[in-house]
PDB file of N, CA and C in Angstrom:
ATOM      1  N   MET A   1     -18.180   7.321   5.797  1.00  0.00           N
ATOM      2  CA  MET A   1     -18.361   8.630   5.194  1.00  0.00           C
ATOM      3  C   MET A   1     -17.028   9.291   4.855  1.00  0.00           C
ATOM      4  N   GLU A   2     -16.056   9.181   5.790  1.00  0.00           N
ATOM      5  CA  GLU A   2     -14.768   9.808   5.545  1.00  0.00           C
ATOM      6  C   GLU A   2     -14.081   9.248   4.311  1.00  0.00           C
ATOM      7  N   VAL A   3     -14.199   7.944   4.084  1.00  0.00           N
ATOM      8  CA  VAL A   3     -13.581   7.326   2.918  1.00  0.00           C
ATOM      9  C   VAL A   3     -14.182   7.901   1.650  1.00  0.00           C
ATOM     10  N   MET A   4     -15.491   8.060   1.631  1.00  0.00           N
ATOM     11  CA  MET A   4     -16.147   8.615   0.451  1.00  0.00           C
ATOM     12  C   MET A   4     -15.684  10.045   0.203  1.00  0.00           C
ATOM     13  N   LYS A   5     -15.551  10.813   1.258  1.00  0.00           N
ATOM     14  CA  LYS A   5     -15.074  12.187   1.098  1.00  0.00           C
ATOM     15  C   LYS A   5     -13.668  12.193   0.517  1.00  0.00           C
ATOM     16  N   LEU A   6     -12.834  11.296   1.005  1.00  0.00           N
ATOM     17  CA  LEU A   6     -11.460  11.205   0.514  1.00  0.00           C
ATOM     18  C   LEU A   6     -11.449  10.814  -0.962  1.00  0.00           C
ATOM     19  N   GLU A   7     -12.248   9.815  -1.318  1.00  0.00           N
ATOM     20  CA  GLU A   7     -12.316   9.378  -2.714  1.00  0.00           C
ATOM     21  C   GLU A   7     -12.830  10.498  -3.609  1.00  0.00           C
ATOM     22  N   THR A   8     -13.819  11.205  -3.152  1.00  0.00           N
ATOM     23  CA  THR A   8     -14.371  12.324  -3.925  1.00  0.00           C
ATOM     24  C   THR A   8     -13.329  13.411  -4.116  1.00  0.00           C
ATOM     25  N   ARG A   9     -12.582  13.703  -3.060  1.00  0.00           N
ATOM     26  CA  ARG A   9     -11.528  14.717  -3.157  1.00  0.00           C
ATOM     27  C   ARG A   9     -10.462  14.302  -4.160  1.00  0.00           C
ATOM     28  N   LYS A  10     -10.074  13.017  -4.126  1.00  0.00           N
ATOM     29  CA  LYS A  10      -9.052  12.544  -5.063  1.00  0.00           C
ATOM     30  C   LYS A  10      -9.542  12.616  -6.500  1.00  0.00           C
ATOM     31  N   ILE A  11     -10.778  12.238  -6.722  1.00  0.00           N
ATOM     32  CA  ILE A  11     -11.344  12.306  -8.076  1.00  0.00           C
ATOM     33  C   ILE A  11     -11.389  13.754  -8.555  1.00  0.00           C
ATOM     34  N   ASN A  12     -11.786  14.660  -7.671  1.00  0.00           N
ATOM     35  CA  ASN A  12     -11.806  16.080  -8.032  1.00  0.00           C
ATOM     36  C   ASN A  12     -10.415  16.582  -8.402  1.00  0.00           C
ATOM     37  N   LEU A  13      -9.400  16.157  -7.657  1.00  0.00           N
ATOM     38  CA  LEU A  13      -8.028  16.562  -7.973  1.00  0.00           C
ATOM     39  C   LEU A  13      -7.560  15.973  -9.301  1.00  0.00           C
ATOM     40  N   ILE A  14      -7.883  14.715  -9.532  1.00  0.00           N
ATOM     41  CA  ILE A  14      -7.506  14.079 -10.804  1.00  0.00           C
ATOM     42  C   ILE A  14      -8.141  14.824 -11.969  1.00  0.00           C
ATOM     43  N   ASN A  15      -9.414  15.141 -11.836  1.00  0.00           N
ATOM     44  CA  ASN A  15     -10.106  15.879 -12.897  1.00  0.00           C
ATOM     45  C   ASN A  15      -9.477  17.245 -13.115  1.00  0.00           C
ATOM     46  N   TRP A  16      -9.151  17.930 -12.020  1.00  0.00           N
ATOM     47  CA  TRP A  16      -8.549  19.256 -12.138  1.00  0.00           C
ATOM     48  C   TRP A  16      -7.174  19.166 -12.800  1.00  0.00           C
ATOM     49  N   ILE A  17      -6.352  18.209 -12.368  1.00  0.00           N
ATOM     50  CA  ILE A  17      -5.012  18.055 -12.938  1.00  0.00           C
ATOM     51  C   ILE A  17      -5.101  17.746 -14.431  1.00  0.00           C
ATOM     52  N   SER A  18      -6.080  16.949 -14.813  1.00  0.00           N
ATOM     53  CA  SER A  18      -6.202  16.581 -16.229  1.00  0.00           C
ATOM     54  C   SER A  18      -6.545  17.773 -17.124  1.00  0.00           C
ATOM     55  N   THR A  19      -7.028  18.848 -16.531  1.00  0.00           N
ATOM     56  CA  THR A  19      -7.379  20.029 -17.335  1.00  0.00           C
ATOM     57  C   THR A  19      -6.314  21.118 -17.282  1.00  0.00           C
ATOM     58  N   LEU A  20      -5.289  20.939 -16.464  1.00  0.00           N
ATOM     59  CA  LEU A  20      -4.264  21.974 -16.316  1.00  0.00           C
ATOM     60  C   LEU A  20      -3.544  22.239 -17.633  1.00  0.00           C
ATOM     61  N   GLN A  21      -3.360  23.498 -17.922  1.00  0.00           N
ATOM     62  CA  GLN A  21      -2.611  23.915 -19.103  1.00  0.00           C
ATOM     63  C   GLN A  21      -1.398  24.749 -18.718  1.00  0.00           C
ATOM     64  N   GLU A  22      -1.347  25.191 -17.466  1.00  0.00           N
ATOM     65  CA  GLU A  22      -0.266  26.064 -17.017  1.00  0.00           C
ATOM     66  C   GLU A  22       0.953  25.233 -16.610  1.00  0.00           C
ATOM     67  N   GLU A  23       2.066  25.517 -17.250  1.00  0.00           N
ATOM     68  CA  GLU A  23       3.313  24.789 -16.988  1.00  0.00           C
ATOM     69  C   GLU A  23       3.723  24.922 -15.528  1.00  0.00           C
ATOM     70  N   ASP A  24       3.574  26.118 -14.961  1.00  0.00           N
ATOM     71  CA  ASP A  24       3.974  26.346 -13.572  1.00  0.00           C
ATOM     72  C   ASP A  24       3.160  25.466 -12.616  1.00  0.00           C
ATOM     73  N   ALA A  25       1.869  25.363 -12.844  1.00  0.00           N
ATOM     74  CA  ALA A  25       1.015  24.545 -11.978  1.00  0.00           C
ATOM     75  C   ALA A  25       1.403  23.074 -12.089  1.00  0.00           C
ATOM     76  N   LEU A  26       1.648  22.611 -13.298  1.00  0.00           N
ATOM     77  CA  LEU A  26       2.072  21.215 -13.489  1.00  0.00           C
ATOM     78  C   LEU A  26       3.418  20.953 -12.810  1.00  0.00           C
ATOM     79  N   ASN A  27       4.325  21.905 -12.905  1.00  0.00           N
ATOM     80  CA  ASN A  27       5.627  21.758 -12.249  1.00  0.00           C
ATOM     81  C   ASN A  27       5.472  21.645 -10.742  1.00  0.00           C
ATOM     82  N   ARG A  28       4.574  22.440 -10.154  1.00  0.00           N
ATOM     83  CA  ARG A  28       4.354  22.377  -8.707  1.00  0.00           C
ATOM     84  C   ARG A  28       3.748  21.041  -8.297  1.00  0.00           C
ATOM     85  N   VAL A  29       2.808  20.535  -9.090  1.00  0.00           N
ATOM     86  CA  VAL A  29       2.205  19.236  -8.786  1.00  0.00           C
ATOM     87  C   VAL A  29       3.258  18.134  -8.897  1.00  0.00           C
ATOM     88  N   GLU A  30       4.104  18.195  -9.916  1.00  0.00           N
ATOM     89  CA  GLU A  30       5.170  17.200 -10.073  1.00  0.00           C
ATOM     90  C   GLU A  30       6.171  17.275  -8.925  1.00  0.00           C
ATOM     91  N   LYS A  31       6.447  18.474  -8.435  1.00  0.00           N
ATOM     92  CA  LYS A  31       7.366  18.626  -7.296  1.00  0.00           C
ATOM     93  C   LYS A  31       6.786  17.945  -6.062  1.00  0.00           C
ATOM     94  N   ILE A  32       5.504  18.111  -5.825  1.00  0.00           N
ATOM     95  CA  ILE A  32       4.848  17.452  -4.692  1.00  0.00           C
ATOM     96  C   ILE A  32       4.955  15.941  -4.850  1.00  0.00           C
ATOM     97  N   GLN A  33       4.736  15.459  -6.062  1.00  0.00           N
ATOM     98  CA  GLN A  33       4.813  14.024  -6.323  1.00  0.00           C
ATOM     99  C   GLN A  33       6.216  13.495  -6.016  1.00  0.00           C
ATOM    100  N   ARG A  34       7.240  14.210  -6.439  1.00  0.00           N
ATOM    101  CA  ARG A  34       8.621  13.772  -6.205  1.00  0.00           C
ATOM    102  C   ARG A  34       8.975  13.793  -4.721  1.00  0.00           C
ATOM    103  N   GLU A  35       8.401  14.727  -3.972  1.00  0.00           N
ATOM    104  CA  GLU A  35       8.723  14.873  -2.553  1.00  0.00           C
ATOM    105  C   GLU A  35       7.989  13.871  -1.674  1.00  0.00           C
ATOM    106  N   THR A  36       6.976  13.225  -2.215  1.00  0.00           N
ATOM    107  CA  THR A  36       6.211  12.269  -1.425  1.00  0.00           C
ATOM    108  C   THR A  36       7.078  11.063  -1.117  1.00  0.00           C
ATOM    109  N   THR A  37       7.180  10.727   0.155  1.00  0.00           N
ATOM    110  CA  THR A  37       8.019   9.623   0.593  1.00  0.00           C
ATOM    111  C   THR A  37       7.273   8.304   0.443  1.00  0.00           C
ATOM    112  N   ASP A  38       7.943   7.336  -0.127  1.00  0.00           N
ATOM    113  CA  ASP A  38       7.400   5.991  -0.262  1.00  0.00           C
ATOM    114  C   ASP A  38       7.434   5.334   1.117  1.00  0.00           C
ATOM    115  N   TRP A  39       6.363   4.641   1.490  1.00  0.00           N
ATOM    116  CA  TRP A  39       6.303   4.003   2.815  1.00  0.00           C
ATOM    117  C   TRP A  39       7.468   3.052   3.032  1.00  0.00           C
ATOM    118  N   TRP A  40       7.951   2.448   1.971  1.00  0.00           N
ATOM    119  CA  TRP A  40       9.070   1.507   2.078  1.00  0.00           C
ATOM    120  C   TRP A  40      10.291   2.190   2.669  1.00  0.00           C
ATOM    121  N   GLU A  41      10.462   3.457   2.359  1.00  0.00           N
ATOM    122  CA  GLU A  41      11.619   4.204   2.851  1.00  0.00           C
ATOM    123  C   GLU A  41      11.473   4.588   4.317  1.00  0.00           C
ATOM    124  N   THR A  42      10.286   4.420   4.893  1.00  0.00           N
ATOM    125  CA  THR A  42      10.054   4.835   6.277  1.00  0.00           C
ATOM    126  C   THR A  42      10.121   3.681   7.266  1.00  0.00           C
ATOM    127  N   ILE A  43      10.239   2.450   6.776  1.00  0.00           N
ATOM    128  CA  ILE A  43      10.265   1.306   7.691  1.00  0.00           C
ATOM    129  C   ILE A  43      11.701   0.864   7.950  1.00  0.00           C
ATOM    130  N   SER A  44      11.872   0.131   9.031  1.00  0.00           N
ATOM    131  CA  SER A  44      13.221  -0.291   9.432  1.00  0.00           C
ATOM    132  C   SER A  44      13.753  -1.378   8.491  1.00  0.00           C
ATOM    133  N   ASP A  45      15.081  -1.537   8.532  1.00  0.00           N
ATOM    134  CA  ASP A  45      15.718  -2.603   7.751  1.00  0.00           C
ATOM    135  C   ASP A  45      15.213  -3.973   8.198  1.00  0.00           C
ATOM    136  N   GLU A  46      14.947  -4.108   9.500  1.00  0.00           N
ATOM    137  CA  GLU A  46      14.418  -5.366  10.030  1.00  0.00           C
ATOM    138  C   GLU A  46      13.039  -5.669   9.413  1.00  0.00           C
ATOM    139  N   ASP A  47      12.188  -4.655   9.326  1.00  0.00           N
ATOM    140  CA  ASP A  47      10.868  -4.849   8.713  1.00  0.00           C
ATOM    141  C   ASP A  47      10.994  -5.176   7.222  1.00  0.00           C
ATOM    142  N   LYS A  48      11.907  -4.496   6.549  1.00  0.00           N
ATOM    143  CA  LYS A  48      12.127  -4.784   5.126  1.00  0.00           C
ATOM    144  C   LYS A  48      12.573  -6.228   4.925  1.00  0.00           C
ATOM    145  N   ALA A  49      13.483  -6.695   5.795  1.00  0.00           N
ATOM    146  CA  ALA A  49      13.969  -8.069   5.693  1.00  0.00           C
ATOM    147  C   ALA A  49      12.827  -9.056   5.940  1.00  0.00           C
ATOM    148  N   ALA A  50      11.960  -8.757   6.905  1.00  0.00           N
ATOM    149  CA  ALA A  50      10.838  -9.651   7.203  1.00  0.00           C
ATOM    150  C   ALA A  50       9.867  -9.708   6.023  1.00  0.00           C
ATOM    151  N   ILE A  51       9.623  -8.571   5.400  1.00  0.00           N
ATOM    152  CA  ILE A  51       8.737  -8.537   4.229  1.00  0.00           C
ATOM    153  C   ILE A  51       9.356  -9.322   3.084  1.00  0.00           C
ATOM    154  N   ASP A  52      10.648  -9.097   2.836  1.00  0.00           N
ATOM    155  CA  ASP A  52      11.341  -9.838   1.771  1.00  0.00           C
ATOM    156  C   ASP A  52      11.308 -11.342   2.032  1.00  0.00           C
ATOM    157  N   GLU A  53      11.478 -11.729   3.297  1.00  0.00           N
ATOM    158  CA  GLU A  53      11.429 -13.146   3.645  1.00  0.00           C
ATOM    159  C   GLU A  53      10.034 -13.719   3.365  1.00  0.00           C
ATOM    160  N   GLY A  54       9.006 -12.968   3.744  1.00  0.00           N
ATOM    161  CA  GLY A  54       7.638 -13.419   3.502  1.00  0.00           C
ATOM    162  C   GLY A  54       7.331 -13.555   2.020  1.00  0.00           C
ATOM    163  N   ILE A  55       7.799 -12.626   1.230  1.00  0.00           N
ATOM    164  CA  ILE A  55       7.595 -12.709  -0.224  1.00  0.00           C
ATOM    165  C   ILE A  55       8.312 -13.931  -0.789  1.00  0.00           C
ATOM    166  N   GLY A  56       9.529 -14.179  -0.300  1.00  0.00           N
ATOM    167  CA  GLY A  56      10.271 -15.361  -0.732  1.00  0.00           C
ATOM    168  C   GLY A  56       9.529 -16.645  -0.389  1.00  0.00           C
ATOM    169  N   GLN A  57       8.957 -16.697   0.811  1.00  0.00           N
ATOM    170  CA  GLN A  57       8.184 -17.878   1.211  1.00  0.00           C
ATOM    171  C   GLN A  57       6.985 -18.073   0.286  1.00  0.00           C
ATOM    172  N   LEU A  58       6.297 -16.991  -0.024  1.00  0.00           N
ATOM    173  CA  LEU A  58       5.159 -17.095  -0.948  1.00  0.00           C
ATOM    174  C   LEU A  58       5.605 -17.592  -2.314  1.00  0.00           C
ATOM    175  N   ASP A  59       6.720 -17.041  -2.803  1.00  0.00           N
ATOM    176  CA  ASP A  59       7.242 -17.458  -4.105  1.00  0.00           C
ATOM    177  C   ASP A  59       7.593 -18.943  -4.138  1.00  0.00           C
ATOM    178  N   ARG A  60       8.034 -19.469  -2.996  1.00  0.00           N
ATOM    179  CA  ARG A  60       8.405 -20.887  -2.911  1.00  0.00           C
ATOM    180  C   ARG A  60       7.208 -21.773  -2.562  1.00  0.00           C
ATOM    181  N   GLY A  61       6.049 -21.178  -2.410  1.00  0.00           N
ATOM    182  CA  GLY A  61       4.845 -21.948  -2.078  1.00  0.00           C
ATOM    183  C   GLY A  61       4.776 -22.354  -0.619  1.00  0.00           C
ATOM    184  N   GLU A  62       5.539 -21.681   0.212  1.00  0.00           N
ATOM    185  CA  GLU A  62       5.576 -22.002   1.644  1.00  0.00           C
ATOM    186  C   GLU A  62       4.550 -21.153   2.390  1.00  0.00           C
ATOM    187  N   PHE A  63       3.290 -21.552   2.295  1.00  0.00           N
ATOM    188  CA  PHE A  63       2.242 -20.804   2.976  1.00  0.00           C
ATOM    189  C   PHE A  63       1.069 -21.720   3.265  1.00  0.00           C
ATOM    190  N   PHE A  64       0.191 -21.258   4.135  1.00  0.00           N
ATOM    191  CA  PHE A  64      -1.031 -21.976   4.455  1.00  0.00           C
ATOM    192  C   PHE A  64      -2.210 -21.212   3.862  1.00  0.00           C
ATOM    193  N   THR A  65      -3.198 -21.959   3.408  1.00  0.00           N
ATOM    194  CA  THR A  65      -4.443 -21.314   2.991  1.00  0.00           C
ATOM    195  C   THR A  65      -5.169 -20.855   4.255  1.00  0.00           C
ATOM    196  N   ARG A  66      -6.178 -20.051   4.087  1.00  0.00           N
ATOM    197  CA  ARG A  66      -6.959 -19.587   5.230  1.00  0.00           C
ATOM    198  C   ARG A  66      -7.566 -20.781   5.975  1.00  0.00           C
ATOM    199  N   ALA A  67      -8.102 -21.730   5.231  1.00  0.00           N
ATOM    200  CA  ALA A  67      -8.714 -22.916   5.850  1.00  0.00           C
ATOM    201  C   ALA A  67      -7.669 -23.705   6.643  1.00  0.00           C
ATOM    202  N   GLN A  68      -6.471 -23.851   6.088  1.00  0.00           N
ATOM    203  CA  GLN A  68      -5.408 -24.571   6.796  1.00  0.00           C
ATOM    204  C   GLN A  68      -5.010 -23.834   8.081  1.00  0.00           C
ATOM    205  N   ALA A  69      -4.889 -22.529   7.988  1.00  0.00           N
ATOM    206  CA  ALA A  69      -4.518 -21.732   9.163  1.00  0.00           C
ATOM    207  C   ALA A  69      -5.590 -21.837  10.241  1.00  0.00           C
ATOM    208  N   ARG A  70      -6.853 -21.750   9.843  1.00  0.00           N
ATOM    209  CA  ARG A  70      -7.943 -21.884  10.813  1.00  0.00           C
ATOM    210  C   ARG A  70      -7.897 -23.259  11.474  1.00  0.00           C
ATOM    211  N   GLY A  71      -7.624 -24.292  10.702  1.00  0.00           N
ATOM    212  CA  GLY A  71      -7.526 -25.640  11.257  1.00  0.00           C
ATOM    213  C   GLY A  71      -6.408 -25.742  12.277  1.00  0.00           C
ATOM    214  N   LYS A  72      -5.250 -25.169  11.958  1.00  0.00           N
ATOM    215  CA  LYS A  72      -4.115 -25.213  12.880  1.00  0.00           C
ATOM    216  C   LYS A  72      -4.420 -24.444  14.167  1.00  0.00           C
ATOM    217  N   ILE A  73      -5.112 -23.332  14.042  1.00  0.00           N
ATOM    218  CA  ILE A  73      -5.482 -22.554  15.230  1.00  0.00           C
ATOM    219  C   ILE A  73      -6.458 -23.350  16.091  1.00  0.00           C
ATOM    220  N   LYS A  74      -7.435 -23.983  15.453  1.00  0.00           N
ATOM    221  CA  LYS A  74      -8.399 -24.806  16.204  1.00  0.00           C
ATOM    222  C   LYS A  74      -7.695 -25.946  16.921  1.00  0.00           C
ATOM    223  N   GLU A  75      -6.750 -26.598  16.233  1.00  0.00           N
ATOM    224  CA  GLU A  75      -5.991 -27.696  16.854  1.00  0.00           C
ATOM    225  C   GLU A  75      -5.209 -27.208  18.063  1.00  0.00           C
ATOM    226  N   ARG A  76      -4.548 -26.089  17.883  1.00  0.00           N
ATOM    227  CA  ARG A  76      -3.662 -25.585  18.927  1.00  0.00           C
ATOM    228  C   ARG A  76      -4.430 -25.110  20.152  1.00  0.00           C
ATOM    229  N   PHE A  77      -5.570 -24.462  19.930  1.00  0.00           N
ATOM    230  CA  PHE A  77      -6.306 -23.880  21.035  1.00  0.00           C
ATOM    231  C   PHE A  77      -7.594 -24.638  21.365  1.00  0.00           C
ATOM    232  N   SER A  78      -7.748 -25.828  20.792  1.00  0.00           N
ATOM    233  CA  SER A  78      -8.876 -26.719  21.073  1.00  0.00           C
ATOM    234  C   SER A  78     -10.238 -26.024  20.957  1.00  0.00           C
ATOM    235  N   PHE A  79     -10.473 -25.356  19.851  1.00  0.00           N
ATOM    236  CA  PHE A  79     -11.762 -24.695  19.600  1.00  0.00           C
ATOM    237  C   PHE A  79     -12.770 -25.717  19.132  1.00  0.00           C
TER     238      PHE A  79
END
């Protein structure tokens, strides 16, 4: 239910913003947008490096499919 409420609220805001004609209101909305912090800026350098490493591995094709991973887990833990 909460997700639906959130989605409905966002749609209502999008609709309202699309009808704005007042320059001051648009400027305030743009200011909020600029002040919003990107999650990337909130994580540690260590986390950023780990994410970059994972993306590099994916780019190089160094990954397991879900089926392969499940097989390795079954082998390791004798399921």
